[in-house]
Amino acid sequence: MEEHSIQEASMTSPRRTDRAAKGPAGVSLLESRVGVEGFLMLESPPDLDLADSWKALNSSYHQALGEAGLDLTTEVFARLHVSDALNQNPMLQEKIALRGGGLVSVIGQSPLQRNKLALEAYHVKGREPCLRRRLPSGEFAVGHGRYEMIWGVFRPGIPGSSAAQTADLLQQLEAVAASHGCPLRDDLLRTWFFVRDIDNNYRGLVEARRDLFERYGMTKATHYVTSTGIAGELKRHDELVAMDALLERGLDPAQIRFMAAEDYLCPTHHYGVTFERGTSVTYGDRTHHFISGTASIDREGKILHEGDLDRQIERTLETIDALLANQGARLSDLKQAVVYLRDPSDGARARRVLGSLLPRSIPRILVEGRVCRPGWLVEIEGLAGTTAGDTRFGNYF
């Protein structure tokens, strides 16, 4: 992978104050004297109808928030993974509209414990209030310190192929970036693409994304964007691709490093796709490490351990650990993880394997999500964070 040509930041290491909060949901916090970030993962109980699933999930969420010192006024972004997007969306959108909070993305990726709903949520709470605003075009912006993050949920506005719909999504993203004065090449930190029938429609996404990046001078010689491309159902059967995205204004280019671990996995352009393995962003008081969807791959770009779920999970976590180690972090610094399984019947086995390899303090959810190559049985994405920062840069809060 070609890394961005920047000077390596000299890192300082203040006292670690990140911790895992106790509660009925998976919660981790990344704290400093001036603010806290909260990462929550939880699922509805099994064998309930949709109304009772929502009620139980909402109750557990509020309880977990209270125990962590957070509430809906600190919520920034949430993604709701649901078991039947086409049928469940009308009721869920009605509930979401009434709840307040941040921006919510609904994706059809069934949880794997006979349950209907799983939630991941991100919160920020500064000693000084963060400026939060919901934009007329639908995005959610949060000012924190000298920075502003802009979260967007993009759905196709046209019928047609996956390539055409991806191009439409990216045009929407371009318009949002332009309206905020965000150079897409510099300020786009993270994307998630959800693809109906990924075995047939992934190629169209790849082609449309490459076209956009080339227009902005984003190539293997410069950099791409950290991303996940995974199967997901949407609220209409003719929606083939959806995208969630995160932009961040106010960053100096020296705050961004692109992650690689070439002893474990090759740059993505070796097999014709255009995304980064991960992105590290350093602030004065902390560092974030965004990890793209990662699978069991070798340094030549080939699938490792075909047909063996346990070893694919092990290899995937080894690779994520190597990516983090090259940036001065560890697997135990993960604040959240989403595990996508191609075969939903692998859920119980995957939970056992993950339980033996990941610290219990790391919040995680497992959902059904076919990976872009049929031979990959599992893909894992995550966000790690530490209180190691660089005083050359402004604090997160």
Protein backbone atom coordinates (compact mmCIF):
# COMPACT_ATOMS: atom_id res chain seq x y z
CA MET A 1 0.00 0.00 0.00
CA GLU A 2 1.28 3.42 -0.88
CA GLU A 3 1.16 5.55 2.25
CA HIS A 4 0.54 9.30 2.31
CA SER A 5 3.89 11.13 2.17
CA ILE A 6 3.85 12.91 5.52
CA GLN A 7 6.22 13.31 8.43
CA GLU A 8 5.61 10.77 11.17
CA ALA A 9 4.12 12.51 14.18
CA SER A 10 6.11 12.38 17.39
CA MET A 11 3.70 10.86 19.86
CA THR A 12 3.29 11.76 23.47
CA SER A 13 1.62 9.35 25.88
CA PRO A 14 -0.42 10.97 28.64
CA ARG A 15 -1.94 8.86 31.37
CA ARG A 16 -4.49 6.44 29.91
CA THR A 17 -8.01 7.09 31.15
CA ASP A 18 -9.98 5.03 28.63
CA ARG A 19 -12.08 2.35 30.29
CA ALA A 20 -14.93 -0.03 29.75
CA ALA A 21 -18.20 0.94 31.40
CA LYS A 22 -20.38 -1.69 33.03
CA GLY A 23 -23.93 -2.19 31.91
CA PRO A 24 -26.35 -4.39 30.00
CA ALA A 25 -24.84 -3.33 26.68
CA GLY A 26 -21.30 -3.38 25.38
CA VAL A 27 -19.88 0.07 26.16
CA SER A 28 -16.38 1.47 25.90
CA LEU A 29 -15.26 5.02 26.66
CA LEU A 30 -12.28 7.06 25.54
CA GLU A 31 -11.81 9.84 28.07
CA SER A 32 -9.63 12.84 28.73
CA ARG A 33 -10.00 15.77 31.13
CA VAL A 34 -11.94 17.74 28.54
CA GLY A 35 -14.33 15.17 27.11
CA VAL A 36 -15.43 11.61 26.53
CA GLU A 37 -16.32 9.52 23.50
CA GLY A 38 -18.70 6.63 23.98
CA PHE A 39 -18.98 3.53 21.79
CA LEU A 40 -22.01 1.30 22.35
CA MET A 41 -23.04 -2.05 20.89
CA LEU A 42 -26.20 -3.88 21.87
CA GLU A 43 -28.82 -6.28 20.54
CA SER A 44 -32.49 -6.93 21.17
CA PRO A 45 -33.41 -10.16 23.01
CA PRO A 46 -34.28 -13.24 20.94
CA ASP A 47 -37.74 -14.43 19.90
CA LEU A 48 -39.61 -11.10 20.20
CA ASP A 49 -41.76 -9.38 17.62
CA LEU A 50 -40.55 -6.10 16.15
CA ALA A 51 -42.42 -3.79 18.53
CA ASP A 52 -41.16 -5.61 21.63
CA SER A 53 -37.66 -5.87 20.14
CA TRP A 54 -37.53 -2.09 19.70
CA LYS A 55 -38.90 -1.49 23.20
CA ALA A 56 -36.34 -3.82 24.80
CA LEU A 57 -33.45 -2.44 22.76
CA ASN A 58 -34.40 1.13 23.54
CA SER A 59 -34.67 0.37 27.25
CA SER A 60 -31.25 -1.31 27.36
CA TYR A 61 -29.74 1.55 25.40
CA HIS A 62 -31.02 4.22 27.77
CA GLN A 63 -29.87 2.21 30.78
CA ALA A 64 -26.39 1.83 29.31
CA LEU A 65 -26.23 5.53 28.44
CA GLY A 66 -27.23 6.52 31.96
CA GLU A 67 -24.55 4.31 33.51
CA ALA A 68 -21.95 5.81 31.15
CA GLY A 69 -22.98 9.41 31.90
CA LEU A 70 -24.38 9.91 28.39
CA ASP A 71 -27.82 10.44 26.87
CA LEU A 72 -29.46 11.06 23.51
CA THR A 73 -28.21 14.66 23.47
CA THR A 74 -24.65 13.29 23.15
CA GLU A 75 -25.47 10.81 20.37
CA VAL A 76 -23.80 11.58 17.04
CA PHE A 77 -24.33 8.57 14.80
CA ALA A 78 -26.06 5.22 15.14
CA ARG A 79 -26.47 2.30 12.78
CA LEU A 80 -29.39 -0.08 13.25
CA HIS A 81 -28.88 -3.55 11.79
CA VAL A 82 -32.25 -5.20 11.16
CA SER A 83 -33.44 -8.66 10.17
CA ASP A 84 -35.97 -7.63 7.46
CA ALA A 85 -35.32 -4.16 6.09
CA LEU A 86 -38.13 -4.09 3.54
CA ASN A 87 -40.88 -4.90 6.05
CA GLN A 88 -39.45 -3.35 9.22
CA ASN A 89 -38.43 0.05 7.85
CA PRO A 90 -41.82 1.81 8.05
CA MET A 91 -42.25 1.21 11.79
CA LEU A 92 -38.60 1.79 12.59
CA GLN A 93 -38.41 5.07 10.71
CA GLU A 94 -41.46 6.27 12.64
CA LYS A 95 -39.79 5.37 15.94
CA ILE A 96 -36.50 6.96 14.91
CA ALA A 97 -38.23 10.21 13.94
CA LEU A 98 -39.68 10.51 17.45
CA ARG A 99 -36.59 9.68 19.48
CA GLY A 100 -34.27 12.66 18.92
CA GLY A 101 -30.57 11.92 19.10
CA GLY A 102 -28.13 11.88 16.22
CA LEU A 103 -28.19 10.54 12.68
CA VAL A 104 -29.42 6.96 12.24
CA SER A 105 -28.70 4.58 9.36
CA VAL A 106 -30.89 1.47 8.97
CA ILE A 107 -29.34 -1.50 7.17
CA GLY A 108 -30.72 -4.98 6.56
CA GLN A 109 -28.09 -7.24 8.13
CA SER A 110 -29.73 -9.72 10.44
CA PRO A 111 -28.31 -10.21 13.94
CA LEU A 112 -27.48 -13.84 14.63
CA GLN A 113 -29.15 -14.73 17.93
CA ARG A 114 -32.76 -15.25 16.78
CA ASN A 115 -33.21 -11.51 17.25
CA LYS A 116 -34.36 -8.70 15.01
CA LEU A 117 -32.24 -5.67 15.93
CA ALA A 118 -28.65 -4.75 16.71
CA LEU A 119 -27.40 -1.22 17.35
CA GLU A 120 -24.02 0.48 17.22
CA ALA A 121 -23.83 4.07 18.41
CA TYR A 122 -21.20 6.78 18.80
CA HIS A 123 -21.44 9.61 21.38
CA VAL A 124 -19.35 12.67 22.22
CA LYS A 125 -19.56 14.77 25.38
CA GLY A 126 -17.13 17.63 25.90
CA ARG A 127 -16.55 19.76 28.96
CA GLU A 128 -17.49 22.59 26.64
CA PRO A 129 -20.68 21.79 24.71
CA CYS A 130 -20.17 20.37 21.23
CA LEU A 131 -22.03 22.31 18.56
CA ARG A 132 -24.54 19.88 17.04
CA ARG A 133 -26.71 20.64 14.04
CA ARG A 134 -28.92 18.63 11.75
CA LEU A 135 -28.55 20.01 8.25
CA PRO A 136 -31.45 20.63 5.84
CA SER A 137 -29.93 18.15 3.40
CA GLY A 138 -30.04 15.43 6.07
CA GLU A 139 -26.47 15.29 7.34
CA PHE A 140 -25.49 15.66 11.00
CA ALA A 141 -22.60 17.95 11.93
CA VAL A 142 -20.85 18.15 15.29
CA GLY A 143 -18.25 20.77 16.12
CA HIS A 144 -15.64 19.58 18.63
CA GLY A 145 -12.62 21.68 19.50
CA ARG A 146 -11.33 23.25 16.28
CA TYR A 147 -12.83 20.45 14.19
CA GLU A 148 -16.21 19.54 12.73
CA MET A 149 -17.30 16.02 11.81
CA ILE A 150 -20.05 15.61 9.23
CA TRP A 151 -21.91 12.31 9.10
CA GLY A 152 -24.04 11.41 6.09
CA VAL A 153 -26.47 8.63 5.22
CA PHE A 154 -26.81 8.38 1.45
CA ARG A 155 -29.37 6.34 -0.47
CA PRO A 156 -29.65 6.10 -4.28
CA GLY A 157 -32.00 8.55 -5.95
CA ILE A 158 -32.09 6.75 -9.29
CA PRO A 159 -32.88 3.23 -10.54
CA GLY A 160 -30.39 1.23 -12.54
CA SER A 161 -27.20 -0.73 -12.07
CA SER A 162 -24.98 -0.81 -8.99
CA ALA A 163 -22.44 1.31 -10.89
CA ALA A 164 -25.03 3.96 -11.72
CA GLN A 165 -26.38 4.03 -8.17
CA THR A 166 -22.90 4.21 -6.66
CA ALA A 167 -22.08 7.14 -8.96
CA ASP A 168 -25.28 8.82 -7.74
CA LEU A 169 -24.32 8.27 -4.08
CA LEU A 170 -20.87 9.72 -4.70
CA GLN A 171 -22.35 12.75 -6.47
CA GLN A 172 -24.48 13.34 -3.37
CA LEU A 173 -21.35 13.10 -1.25
CA GLU A 174 -19.52 15.54 -3.50
CA ALA A 175 -22.37 18.05 -3.12
CA VAL A 176 -22.28 17.77 0.68
CA ALA A 177 -18.51 18.19 0.77
CA ALA A 178 -18.68 21.23 -1.52
CA SER A 179 -21.41 22.85 0.58
CA HIS A 180 -19.16 22.65 3.65
CA GLY A 181 -15.97 23.67 1.89
CA CYS A 182 -14.52 20.20 2.47
CA PRO A 183 -11.96 19.06 -0.11
CA LEU A 184 -13.04 15.47 -0.67
CA ARG A 185 -9.47 14.31 -1.12
CA ASP A 186 -8.45 15.72 2.27
CA ASP A 187 -11.55 15.53 4.48
CA LEU A 188 -13.25 12.22 3.63
CA LEU A 189 -12.19 9.87 6.45
CA ARG A 190 -14.44 6.83 6.20
CA THR A 191 -17.10 5.22 4.01
CA TRP A 192 -19.35 2.19 4.35
CA PHE A 193 -21.01 0.66 1.28
CA PHE A 194 -23.90 -1.79 1.64
CA VAL A 195 -24.65 -3.85 -1.45
CA ARG A 196 -27.70 -5.93 -2.28
CA ASP A 197 -26.63 -9.27 -3.83
CA ILE A 198 -22.96 -8.42 -3.42
CA ASP A 199 -21.79 -11.44 -5.43
CA ASN A 200 -23.29 -9.80 -8.53
CA ASN A 201 -23.26 -6.07 -7.72
CA TYR A 202 -19.91 -5.41 -6.06
CA ARG A 203 -18.04 -4.83 -9.31
CA GLY A 204 -20.23 -1.86 -10.23
CA LEU A 205 -19.43 -0.22 -6.89
CA VAL A 206 -15.70 -0.75 -7.46
CA GLU A 207 -15.78 0.85 -10.92
CA ALA A 208 -17.80 3.92 -9.89
CA ARG A 209 -15.64 4.54 -6.81
CA ARG A 210 -12.44 4.30 -8.84
CA ASP A 211 -13.79 6.84 -11.33
CA LEU A 212 -14.51 9.33 -8.55
CA PHE A 213 -11.12 8.90 -6.92
CA GLU A 214 -9.29 9.36 -10.20
CA ARG A 215 -11.10 12.65 -10.77
CA TYR A 216 -9.79 13.88 -7.41
CA GLY A 217 -6.24 12.65 -7.97
CA MET A 218 -6.62 9.81 -5.49
CA THR A 219 -4.50 6.94 -6.81
CA LYS A 220 -2.23 4.17 -5.56
CA ALA A 221 0.55 6.78 -5.51
CA THR A 222 -1.39 9.11 -3.19
CA HIS A 223 -4.11 7.56 -1.04
CA TYR A 224 -7.66 6.24 -1.04
CA VAL A 225 -10.20 6.12 1.83
CA THR A 226 -10.77 3.64 4.63
CA SER A 227 -13.91 1.72 3.75
CA THR A 228 -16.14 -1.30 4.23
CA GLY A 229 -17.99 -2.86 1.31
CA ILE A 230 -20.38 -5.55 2.51
CA ALA A 231 -23.74 -7.09 1.69
CA GLY A 232 -26.80 -5.32 3.06
CA GLU A 233 -30.49 -4.98 2.28
CA LEU A 234 -32.24 -1.63 2.01
CA LYS A 235 -35.80 -0.37 2.36
CA ARG A 236 -36.63 -0.90 -1.34
CA HIS A 237 -35.86 -3.88 -3.53
CA ASP A 238 -34.51 -1.65 -6.34
CA GLU A 239 -31.92 0.00 -4.07
CA LEU A 240 -28.74 -1.90 -4.90
CA VAL A 241 -26.15 0.20 -3.04
CA ALA A 242 -26.22 2.49 -0.01
CA MET A 243 -23.46 4.50 1.62
CA ASP A 244 -22.70 6.03 5.00
CA ALA A 245 -19.79 8.46 5.22
CA LEU A 246 -17.76 10.56 7.64
CA LEU A 247 -16.04 13.83 6.72
CA GLU A 248 -13.88 15.83 9.13
CA ARG A 249 -13.11 19.53 8.71
CA GLY A 250 -10.14 21.25 10.27
CA LEU A 251 -7.53 18.51 10.08
CA ASP A 252 -3.95 19.24 9.14
CA PRO A 253 -2.64 16.69 6.60
CA ALA A 254 0.07 15.78 9.11
CA GLN A 255 -2.61 14.44 11.46
CA ILE A 256 -3.54 11.66 9.03
CA ARG A 257 -1.57 8.47 8.40
CA PHE A 258 -2.68 5.56 6.25
CA MET A 259 -2.24 2.15 7.78
CA ALA A 260 -0.42 -0.82 6.27
CA ALA A 261 0.90 -4.22 7.35
CA GLU A 262 2.41 -5.61 4.19
CA ASP A 263 3.80 -8.71 5.90
CA TYR A 264 0.15 -9.68 6.40
CA LEU A 265 -1.82 -8.20 3.51
CA CYS A 266 -1.15 -6.41 0.26
CA PRO A 267 -2.34 -2.99 -0.86
CA THR A 268 -5.86 -3.23 -2.21
CA HIS A 269 -4.93 -2.00 -5.69
CA HIS A 270 -3.07 -5.29 -6.19
CA TYR A 271 -6.44 -6.93 -6.80
CA GLY A 272 -8.21 -4.05 -8.47
CA VAL A 273 -10.00 -2.19 -5.67
CA THR A 274 -9.41 1.25 -4.20
CA PHE A 275 -9.59 1.65 -0.43
CA GLU A 276 -7.14 1.99 2.44
CA ARG A 277 -6.61 -0.75 5.00
CA GLY A 278 -7.04 1.83 7.72
CA THR A 279 -6.56 5.47 8.68
CA SER A 280 -5.01 6.89 11.85
CA VAL A 281 -5.97 10.41 12.90
CA THR A 282 -3.97 12.05 15.68
CA TYR A 283 -5.26 14.92 17.81
CA GLY A 284 -3.62 16.69 20.71
CA ASP A 285 -5.19 14.40 23.28
CA ARG A 286 -5.93 11.12 21.46
CA THR A 287 -5.58 9.06 18.30
CA HIS A 288 -8.29 7.28 16.35
CA HIS A 289 -7.56 4.26 14.17
CA PHE A 290 -10.30 3.49 11.63
CA ILE A 291 -10.00 -0.13 10.44
CA SER A 292 -11.55 -1.05 7.09
CA GLY A 293 -13.46 -4.26 6.64
CA THR A 294 -10.71 -6.89 6.98
CA ALA A 295 -10.78 -10.57 6.06
CA SER A 296 -8.45 -13.59 5.99
CA ILE A 297 -5.95 -12.57 3.31
CA ASP A 298 -2.27 -13.10 2.65
CA ARG A 299 0.41 -10.69 1.44
CA GLU A 300 -0.29 -11.69 -2.17
CA GLY A 301 -3.99 -10.85 -1.91
CA LYS A 302 -5.17 -14.46 -1.78
CA ILE A 303 -7.77 -15.92 0.58
CA LEU A 304 -6.24 -17.80 3.50
CA HIS A 305 -7.86 -20.81 5.21
CA GLU A 306 -10.73 -21.35 2.78
CA GLY A 307 -13.60 -23.19 4.43
CA ASP A 308 -12.16 -22.85 7.97
CA LEU A 309 -14.09 -20.22 9.95
CA ASP A 310 -11.99 -20.48 13.10
CA ARG A 311 -8.70 -19.89 11.33
CA GLN A 312 -10.16 -17.11 9.19
CA ILE A 313 -11.23 -15.27 12.35
CA GLU A 314 -7.77 -15.80 13.88
CA ARG A 315 -6.02 -14.53 10.76
CA THR A 316 -8.30 -11.50 10.49
CA LEU A 317 -7.60 -10.48 14.08
CA GLU A 318 -3.86 -11.05 13.63
CA THR A 319 -3.96 -8.73 10.63
CA ILE A 320 -5.90 -6.04 12.48
CA ASP A 321 -3.43 -6.32 15.35
CA ALA A 322 -0.54 -5.86 12.89
CA LEU A 323 -2.18 -2.79 11.34
CA LEU A 324 -2.59 -1.27 14.79
CA ALA A 325 0.90 -2.25 15.96
CA ASN A 326 2.43 -0.33 13.06
CA GLN A 327 0.70 2.77 14.46
CA GLY A 328 1.70 2.22 18.08
CA ALA A 329 -1.61 0.67 19.19
CA ARG A 330 -2.85 -2.84 20.05
CA LEU A 331 -5.83 -5.05 19.40
CA SER A 332 -6.95 -4.36 22.97
CA ASP A 333 -7.31 -0.68 22.00
CA LEU A 334 -10.35 -1.47 19.86
CA LYS A 335 -13.34 0.49 21.09
CA GLN A 336 -15.83 -1.35 18.92
CA ALA A 337 -15.97 -4.14 16.34
CA VAL A 338 -18.57 -5.27 13.84
CA VAL A 339 -18.26 -8.88 12.69
CA TYR A 340 -19.90 -9.82 9.39
CA LEU A 341 -20.57 -13.50 8.70
CA ARG A 342 -21.43 -14.92 5.31
CA ASP A 343 -23.30 -17.88 6.79
CA PRO A 344 -25.67 -16.98 9.66
CA SER A 345 -25.48 -20.53 11.01
CA ASP A 346 -21.84 -19.74 11.96
CA GLY A 347 -22.96 -17.19 14.58
CA ALA A 348 -22.61 -19.29 17.74
CA ARG A 349 -19.28 -20.73 16.66
CA ALA A 350 -17.92 -17.29 15.75
CA ARG A 351 -18.94 -15.91 19.14
CA ARG A 352 -17.02 -18.67 20.89
CA VAL A 353 -13.89 -18.08 18.82
CA LEU A 354 -14.05 -14.31 19.26
CA GLY A 355 -14.60 -14.76 22.98
CA SER A 356 -11.31 -16.62 23.22
CA LEU A 357 -9.37 -14.05 21.19
CA LEU A 358 -10.78 -10.61 22.03
CA PRO A 359 -10.92 -8.96 25.45
CA ARG A 360 -14.45 -8.94 26.88
CA SER A 361 -14.17 -5.16 27.27
CA ILE A 362 -14.40 -4.63 23.48
CA PRO A 363 -18.04 -4.06 22.45
CA ARG A 364 -18.99 -6.09 19.39
CA ILE A 365 -21.95 -7.23 17.38
CA LEU A 366 -22.24 -10.08 14.87
CA VAL A 367 -24.52 -9.72 11.86
CA GLU A 368 -25.15 -11.51 8.60
CA GLY A 369 -23.13 -9.90 5.82
CA ARG A 370 -21.71 -11.62 2.76
CA VAL A 371 -18.18 -10.50 1.99
CA CYS A 372 -17.14 -9.41 -1.51
CA ARG A 373 -15.41 -12.74 -2.22
CA PRO A 374 -17.40 -15.93 -1.61
CA GLY A 375 -14.40 -17.68 -0.04
CA TRP A 376 -14.25 -15.18 2.81
CA LEU A 377 -16.48 -16.45 5.60
CA VAL A 378 -15.94 -13.49 7.93
CA GLU A 379 -15.02 -9.82 7.79
CA ILE A 380 -14.30 -7.56 10.76
CA GLU A 381 -14.18 -3.77 10.94
CA GLY A 382 -13.48 -1.60 13.94
CA LEU A 383 -12.34 1.63 15.50
CA ALA A 384 -9.48 1.75 17.98
CA GLY A 385 -8.62 4.72 20.14
CA THR A 386 -5.94 5.68 22.62
CA THR A 387 -5.08 8.73 24.68
CA ALA A 388 -1.71 9.00 22.94
CA GLY A 389 -1.74 12.34 21.16
CA ASP A 390 0.57 14.95 19.67
CA THR A 391 0.71 18.41 21.20
CA ARG A 392 1.37 19.98 17.78
CA PHE A 393 -2.33 19.50 17.06
CA GLY A 394 -5.53 20.70 18.66
CA ASN A 395 -7.33 18.49 21.14
CA TYR A 396 -10.36 16.51 20.03
CA PHE A 397 -12.50 18.59 22.39
